[in-house]
Amino acid sequence: MTAGTKKVVTWLVIAFVAFYLVTRPDSAADAVRGAGSLISDGFQALITFFSTVFA
């Protein structure tokens, strides 16, 4: 991709996210909570794995 194309795509993504946040704040909050939960579960799985390996 050229620099100009990346810039346009970046601005389109930012515009979509802003539109989504304004039109559906509850859904956006649920999406953020879901992503946070996914990250938390992943770290918990890593902690469990390494605790088992090094125990």
Protein backbone atom coordinates (compact mmCIF):
# COMPACT_ATOMS: atom_id res chain seq x y z
CA MET A 1 0.00 0.00 0.00
CA THR A 2 1.16 3.49 -0.69
CA ALA A 3 1.40 6.11 2.04
CA GLY A 4 -1.65 7.91 0.66
CA THR A 5 -3.74 4.76 0.69
CA LYS A 6 -2.74 3.98 4.27
CA LYS A 7 -3.69 7.48 5.30
CA VAL A 8 -7.12 7.22 3.67
CA VAL A 9 -7.79 3.79 5.21
CA THR A 10 -6.69 5.04 8.63
CA TRP A 11 -9.06 8.02 8.43
CA LEU A 12 -11.92 5.78 7.27
CA VAL A 13 -11.40 3.45 10.23
CA ILE A 14 -11.27 6.41 12.64
CA ALA A 15 -14.46 7.82 11.12
CA PHE A 16 -16.22 4.45 11.43
CA VAL A 17 -15.19 4.04 15.07
CA ALA A 18 -16.35 7.59 15.88
CA PHE A 19 -19.68 6.96 14.12
CA TYR A 20 -20.12 3.67 15.99
CA LEU A 21 -19.35 5.30 19.34
CA VAL A 22 -21.83 8.11 18.73
CA THR A 23 -24.68 6.02 17.34
CA ARG A 24 -24.36 2.94 19.59
CA PRO A 25 -22.49 3.75 22.81
CA ASP A 26 -23.90 0.74 24.68
CA SER A 27 -22.74 -1.67 21.98
CA ALA A 28 -19.35 0.02 21.85
CA ALA A 29 -18.99 -0.35 25.62
CA ASP A 30 -19.93 -4.03 25.37
CA ALA A 31 -17.30 -4.52 22.66
CA VAL A 32 -14.62 -2.91 24.83
CA ARG A 33 -15.67 -5.04 27.81
CA GLY A 34 -15.53 -8.15 25.65
CA ALA A 35 -12.05 -7.29 24.37
CA GLY A 36 -10.86 -6.62 27.93
CA SER A 37 -12.29 -9.92 29.08
CA LEU A 38 -10.58 -11.74 26.22
CA ILE A 39 -7.21 -10.17 27.10
CA SER A 40 -7.71 -10.94 30.79
CA ASP A 41 -8.59 -14.57 30.06
CA GLY A 42 -5.52 -14.89 27.84
CA PHE A 43 -3.17 -13.58 30.53
CA GLN A 44 -4.81 -15.82 33.12
CA ALA A 45 -4.22 -18.82 30.86
CA LEU A 46 -0.56 -17.84 30.45
CA ILE A 47 -0.14 -17.48 34.21
CA THR A 48 -1.72 -20.88 34.76
CA PHE A 49 0.51 -22.45 32.11
CA PHE A 50 3.74 -21.03 33.49
CA SER A 51 2.73 -21.82 37.07
CA THR A 52 2.19 -25.44 36.03
CA VAL A 53 5.44 -25.64 34.04
CA PHE A 54 7.63 -24.17 36.77
CA ALA A 55 5.91 -25.81 39.76
